[in-house]
Structures are given as C-alpha cells and as structure tokens.
C-alpha cells in the first residue's frame, strides 16, 4: 500500500511557536557556574584526601 502525499501541506508554525522551552533566563551562566563549583569542590576534596588514587598491584 502506497501513501499519496501530493495533497499534504507542510506545517506552518514559526520556530517560536514550535519551541518547547523558554529561551533566555541566563541558563548558560547557571550551568557554567554550577560546573565550575563542582570542579572546585572536587579539587578541594582531592586536596584534602591527599590526591591519592587507589591503585591495585598485580
């Protein structure tokens, strides 16, 4: 069975109407500061723990 799409009409919504998220609100800065905070926290924990990683010997 073959579908005939000659009479199909392309959707006519604008990109703003189709978008499902809110733009703006400085989300990139929130994500950037959050990532930087995680890196700093891991550096502090690593320094506190002596920067030693458990290595298994054969």
N, C-alpha and C. Protein backbone atom coordinates (compact mmCIF):
# COMPACT_ATOMS: atom_id res chain seq x y z
N UNK A 1 0.83 -1.16 0.00
CA UNK A 1 0.00 0.00 0.00
C UNK A 1 0.89 1.24 0.00
N UNK A 2 0.66 2.12 -0.92
CA UNK A 2 1.47 3.32 -1.04
C UNK A 2 0.63 4.54 -0.65
N UNK A 3 1.21 5.40 0.16
CA UNK A 3 0.50 6.59 0.58
C UNK A 3 0.74 7.71 -0.43
N UNK A 4 -0.30 8.45 -0.70
CA UNK A 4 -0.19 9.56 -1.65
C UNK A 4 -0.09 10.86 -0.86
N UNK A 5 1.08 11.51 -0.91
CA UNK A 5 1.32 12.72 -0.13
C UNK A 5 1.30 13.99 -0.99
N UNK A 6 0.71 13.93 -2.15
CA UNK A 6 0.70 15.12 -3.01
C UNK A 6 -0.16 16.24 -2.45
N UNK A 7 -1.17 15.88 -1.68
CA UNK A 7 -2.06 16.90 -1.13
C UNK A 7 -1.66 17.32 0.29
N UNK A 8 -0.56 16.78 0.80
CA UNK A 8 -0.13 17.12 2.16
C UNK A 8 0.40 18.55 2.19
N UNK A 9 0.09 19.24 3.26
CA UNK A 9 0.55 20.62 3.43
C UNK A 9 1.59 20.63 4.54
N UNK A 10 2.68 21.35 4.31
CA UNK A 10 3.74 21.44 5.31
C UNK A 10 3.23 22.25 6.51
N UNK A 11 3.70 21.91 7.70
CA UNK A 11 3.30 22.67 8.88
C UNK A 11 3.72 24.13 8.75
N UNK A 12 2.88 25.02 9.26
CA UNK A 12 3.18 26.44 9.09
C UNK A 12 3.33 27.15 10.43
N UNK A 13 3.98 26.52 11.40
CA UNK A 13 4.23 27.15 12.68
C UNK A 13 5.61 27.79 12.67
N UNK A 14 5.71 28.88 13.39
CA UNK A 14 7.01 29.54 13.49
C UNK A 14 7.90 28.78 14.47
N UNK A 15 9.19 29.07 14.44
CA UNK A 15 10.10 28.38 15.36
C UNK A 15 9.79 28.72 16.81
N UNK A 16 9.31 29.92 17.06
CA UNK A 16 8.94 30.29 18.43
C UNK A 16 7.75 29.50 18.92
N UNK A 17 6.79 29.26 18.05
CA UNK A 17 5.60 28.50 18.44
C UNK A 17 5.92 27.02 18.62
N UNK A 18 6.88 26.51 17.89
CA UNK A 18 7.23 25.09 17.95
C UNK A 18 8.14 24.80 19.14
N UNK A 19 8.97 25.75 19.53
CA UNK A 19 9.94 25.54 20.61
C UNK A 19 9.22 25.20 21.91
N UNK A 20 9.74 24.17 22.61
CA UNK A 20 9.08 23.72 23.83
C UNK A 20 9.75 24.23 25.09
N UNK A 21 10.79 24.99 24.97
CA UNK A 21 11.47 25.51 26.15
C UNK A 21 11.47 27.02 26.13
N UNK A 22 11.75 27.59 27.28
CA UNK A 22 11.82 29.03 27.40
C UNK A 22 13.25 29.46 27.07
N UNK A 23 13.38 30.45 26.24
CA UNK A 23 14.70 30.94 25.91
C UNK A 23 15.07 32.06 26.87
N UNK A 24 16.36 32.28 26.97
CA UNK A 24 16.83 33.34 27.85
C UNK A 24 17.03 32.85 29.27
N UNK A 25 16.82 33.71 30.22
CA UNK A 25 16.95 33.44 31.65
C UNK A 25 18.38 33.04 32.04
N UNK A 26 19.36 33.33 31.20
CA UNK A 26 20.79 33.11 31.51
C UNK A 26 21.09 31.69 31.98
N UNK A 27 20.49 30.71 31.34
CA UNK A 27 20.69 29.31 31.73
C UNK A 27 22.14 28.91 31.54
N UNK A 28 22.79 29.41 30.50
CA UNK A 28 24.19 29.02 30.26
C UNK A 28 25.09 29.47 31.40
N UNK A 29 24.79 30.60 32.02
CA UNK A 29 25.60 31.06 33.14
C UNK A 29 25.36 30.21 34.38
N UNK A 30 24.14 29.82 34.61
CA UNK A 30 23.83 28.96 35.76
C UNK A 30 24.55 27.63 35.59
N UNK A 31 24.49 27.05 34.40
CA UNK A 31 25.17 25.78 34.16
C UNK A 31 26.68 25.93 34.27
N UNK A 32 27.22 27.03 33.77
CA UNK A 32 28.66 27.27 33.84
C UNK A 32 29.14 27.42 35.27
N UNK A 33 28.42 28.22 36.08
CA UNK A 33 28.81 28.39 37.48
C UNK A 33 28.64 27.09 38.26
N UNK A 34 27.62 26.32 37.94
CA UNK A 34 27.43 25.04 38.61
C UNK A 34 28.55 24.07 38.29
N UNK A 35 28.95 24.02 37.03
CA UNK A 35 30.05 23.15 36.63
C UNK A 35 31.35 23.60 37.28
N UNK A 36 31.60 24.90 37.31
CA UNK A 36 32.80 25.42 37.96
C UNK A 36 32.79 25.09 39.45
N UNK A 37 31.63 25.18 40.09
CA UNK A 37 31.53 24.84 41.50
C UNK A 37 31.84 23.37 41.77
N UNK A 38 31.39 22.50 40.88
CA UNK A 38 31.67 21.07 41.04
C UNK A 38 33.16 20.81 40.89
N UNK A 39 33.79 21.44 39.93
CA UNK A 39 35.24 21.27 39.72
C UNK A 39 36.01 21.75 40.94
N UNK A 40 35.65 22.91 41.47
CA UNK A 40 36.32 23.44 42.66
C UNK A 40 36.10 22.50 43.85
N UNK A 41 34.88 22.00 44.02
CA UNK A 41 34.60 21.09 45.13
C UNK A 41 35.43 19.81 45.01
N UNK A 42 35.54 19.28 43.80
CA UNK A 42 36.35 18.07 43.61
C UNK A 42 37.83 18.34 43.87
N UNK A 43 38.31 19.52 43.49
CA UNK A 43 39.71 19.87 43.77
C UNK A 43 39.94 19.98 45.28
N UNK A 44 38.99 20.57 45.99
CA UNK A 44 39.13 20.70 47.44
C UNK A 44 39.12 19.32 48.10
N UNK A 45 38.21 18.45 47.69
CA UNK A 45 38.15 17.09 48.26
C UNK A 45 39.40 16.32 47.90
N UNK A 46 39.87 16.47 46.66
CA UNK A 46 41.10 15.78 46.25
C UNK A 46 42.30 16.25 47.03
N UNK A 47 42.39 17.54 47.31
CA UNK A 47 43.49 18.07 48.09
C UNK A 47 43.40 17.57 49.53
N UNK A 48 42.20 17.56 50.08
CA UNK A 48 42.00 17.08 51.45
C UNK A 48 42.37 15.61 51.58
N UNK A 49 42.04 14.83 50.59
CA UNK A 49 42.32 13.39 50.63
C UNK A 49 43.76 13.06 50.25
N UNK A 50 44.54 14.04 49.88
CA UNK A 50 45.95 13.80 49.56
C UNK A 50 46.18 13.45 48.11
N UNK A 51 45.19 13.61 47.27
CA UNK A 51 45.33 13.34 45.83
C UNK A 51 45.87 11.95 45.56
N UNK A 52 45.49 10.97 46.34
CA UNK A 52 45.94 9.59 46.11
C UNK A 52 44.79 8.79 45.51
N UNK A 53 45.09 8.05 44.50
CA UNK A 53 44.12 7.17 43.88
C UNK A 53 44.47 5.74 44.22
N UNK A 54 43.50 4.92 44.54
CA UNK A 54 43.80 3.53 44.84
C UNK A 54 44.26 2.80 43.59
N UNK A 55 45.44 2.23 43.64
CA UNK A 55 46.00 1.51 42.50
C UNK A 55 46.22 0.08 42.93
N UNK A 56 45.66 -0.83 42.19
CA UNK A 56 45.85 -2.25 42.53
C UNK A 56 47.11 -2.75 41.85
N UNK A 57 47.92 -3.46 42.61
CA UNK A 57 49.14 -4.02 42.04
C UNK A 57 48.90 -5.47 41.62
N UNK A 58 49.55 -5.87 40.56
CA UNK A 58 49.34 -7.25 40.08
C UNK A 58 49.93 -8.31 40.95
